[in-house]
Amino acid sequence: MQYDIYRLAGDVLVVDLQSDLIDIGTRVVAPLVLKTARPVPLPTLEPMVLFNGHPHLMLVSEMTAISARHLGPAIGDLRREEYMIRRAVDMVFTGI
């Protein structure tokens, strides 16, 4: 579901960005990495969120489509961060 967090193979965390109204067998996701992995984040494009008590960066500029079958059960969600997520996606496509 949109804004859910998933763990992919290789222990990679991703956030589902795609509207739930679109069901075509793929989902658009963005990587979620520990903040320490990116020393100088771009605040609007790489919003900082808390997950499991640790600061993470959502790398919206690295979003990609993957097969929905690669998503197992959700392990968290970022619905409370919808505004920040939408701002980051807007930055990718409109520059503002």
Protein backbone atom coordinates (compact mmCIF):
# COMPACT_ATOMS: atom_id res chain seq x y z
CA MET A 1 0.00 0.00 0.00
CA GLN A 2 1.08 3.56 -0.58
CA TYR A 3 3.61 4.78 2.02
CA ASP A 4 4.18 1.30 3.45
CA ILE A 5 7.74 0.19 4.17
CA TYR A 6 8.98 -3.15 2.84
CA ARG A 7 12.17 -5.17 3.24
CA LEU A 8 13.41 -6.56 -0.06
CA ALA A 9 15.96 -9.29 -0.67
CA GLY A 10 19.40 -8.21 0.49
CA ASP A 11 17.92 -6.39 3.49
CA VAL A 12 17.04 -3.32 1.36
CA LEU A 13 14.28 -1.11 2.75
CA VAL A 14 11.90 0.66 0.36
CA VAL A 15 8.84 2.89 0.66
CA ASP A 16 5.93 2.32 -1.72
CA LEU A 17 5.12 5.68 -3.38
CA GLN A 18 2.45 4.53 -5.82
CA SER A 19 -1.26 5.24 -5.49
CA ASP A 20 -3.29 2.21 -4.48
CA LEU A 21 -5.72 3.06 -7.31
CA ILE A 22 -3.13 1.87 -9.84
CA ASP A 23 -2.80 -1.92 -9.88
CA ILE A 24 -0.67 -2.98 -12.87
CA GLY A 25 1.60 -5.54 -11.23
CA THR A 26 4.39 -3.09 -10.42
CA ARG A 27 4.94 -0.58 -7.64
CA VAL A 28 7.02 2.60 -7.62
CA VAL A 29 9.31 2.53 -4.58
CA ALA A 30 12.11 4.64 -3.11
CA PRO A 31 15.02 3.32 -1.02
CA LEU A 32 15.06 4.03 2.70
CA VAL A 33 18.59 4.20 4.18
CA LEU A 34 20.02 5.02 7.58
CA LYS A 35 20.83 8.71 7.80
CA THR A 36 24.46 7.87 8.57
CA ALA A 37 24.78 6.40 5.06
CA ARG A 38 24.38 9.90 3.51
CA PRO A 39 26.42 12.52 5.39
CA VAL A 40 24.96 15.54 3.54
CA PRO A 41 21.31 14.90 2.62
CA LEU A 42 19.31 17.16 0.32
CA PRO A 43 16.46 18.07 2.72
CA THR A 44 13.51 18.36 0.32
CA LEU A 45 14.60 15.60 -2.04
CA GLU A 46 15.77 13.19 0.68
CA PRO A 47 13.34 13.65 3.57
CA MET A 48 14.41 12.34 6.96
CA VAL A 49 11.94 10.01 8.67
CA LEU A 50 12.04 7.89 11.80
CA PHE A 51 11.70 4.15 11.41
CA ASN A 52 12.20 1.74 14.31
CA GLY A 53 13.53 4.65 16.37
CA HIS A 54 16.34 5.47 13.94
CA PRO A 55 16.61 8.38 11.48
CA HIS A 56 16.42 7.26 7.85
CA LEU A 57 16.55 9.13 4.56
CA MET A 58 14.07 8.38 1.80
CA LEU A 59 15.99 8.62 -1.48
CA VAL A 60 13.16 9.79 -3.71
CA SER A 61 15.55 10.69 -6.55
CA GLU A 62 16.39 6.96 -6.74
CA MET A 63 12.79 5.76 -7.04
CA THR A 64 12.13 2.88 -9.40
CA ALA A 65 9.38 0.47 -10.41
CA ILE A 66 9.60 -3.11 -9.22
CA SER A 67 7.34 -6.12 -9.54
CA ALA A 68 4.72 -6.11 -6.78
CA ARG A 69 5.52 -9.77 -6.11
CA HIS A 70 8.89 -8.68 -4.64
CA LEU A 71 7.07 -6.89 -1.81
CA GLY A 72 6.39 -9.12 1.13
CA PRO A 73 4.40 -8.00 4.14
CA ALA A 74 4.69 -4.35 5.13
CA ILE A 75 6.97 -3.78 8.12
CA GLY A 76 5.97 -0.18 8.78
CA ASP A 77 4.32 2.83 7.23
CA LEU A 78 5.02 6.51 6.66
CA ARG A 79 1.49 7.82 6.14
CA ARG A 80 2.14 10.47 8.79
CA GLU A 81 4.90 11.83 6.50
CA GLU A 82 2.69 12.14 3.41
CA TYR A 83 3.27 15.89 3.01
CA MET A 84 7.09 15.53 3.05
CA ILE A 85 6.93 12.59 0.66
CA ARG A 86 4.73 14.47 -1.79
CA ARG A 87 7.07 17.47 -1.65
CA ALA A 88 10.02 15.22 -2.52
CA VAL A 89 8.19 13.62 -5.45
CA ASP A 90 7.13 17.07 -6.68
CA MET A 91 10.77 18.19 -6.51
CA VAL A 92 11.78 15.31 -8.82
CA PHE A 93 9.17 16.10 -11.45
CA THR A 94 8.64 19.87 -11.21
CA GLY A 95 11.79 21.15 -9.54
CA ILE A 96 9.78 22.90 -6.84
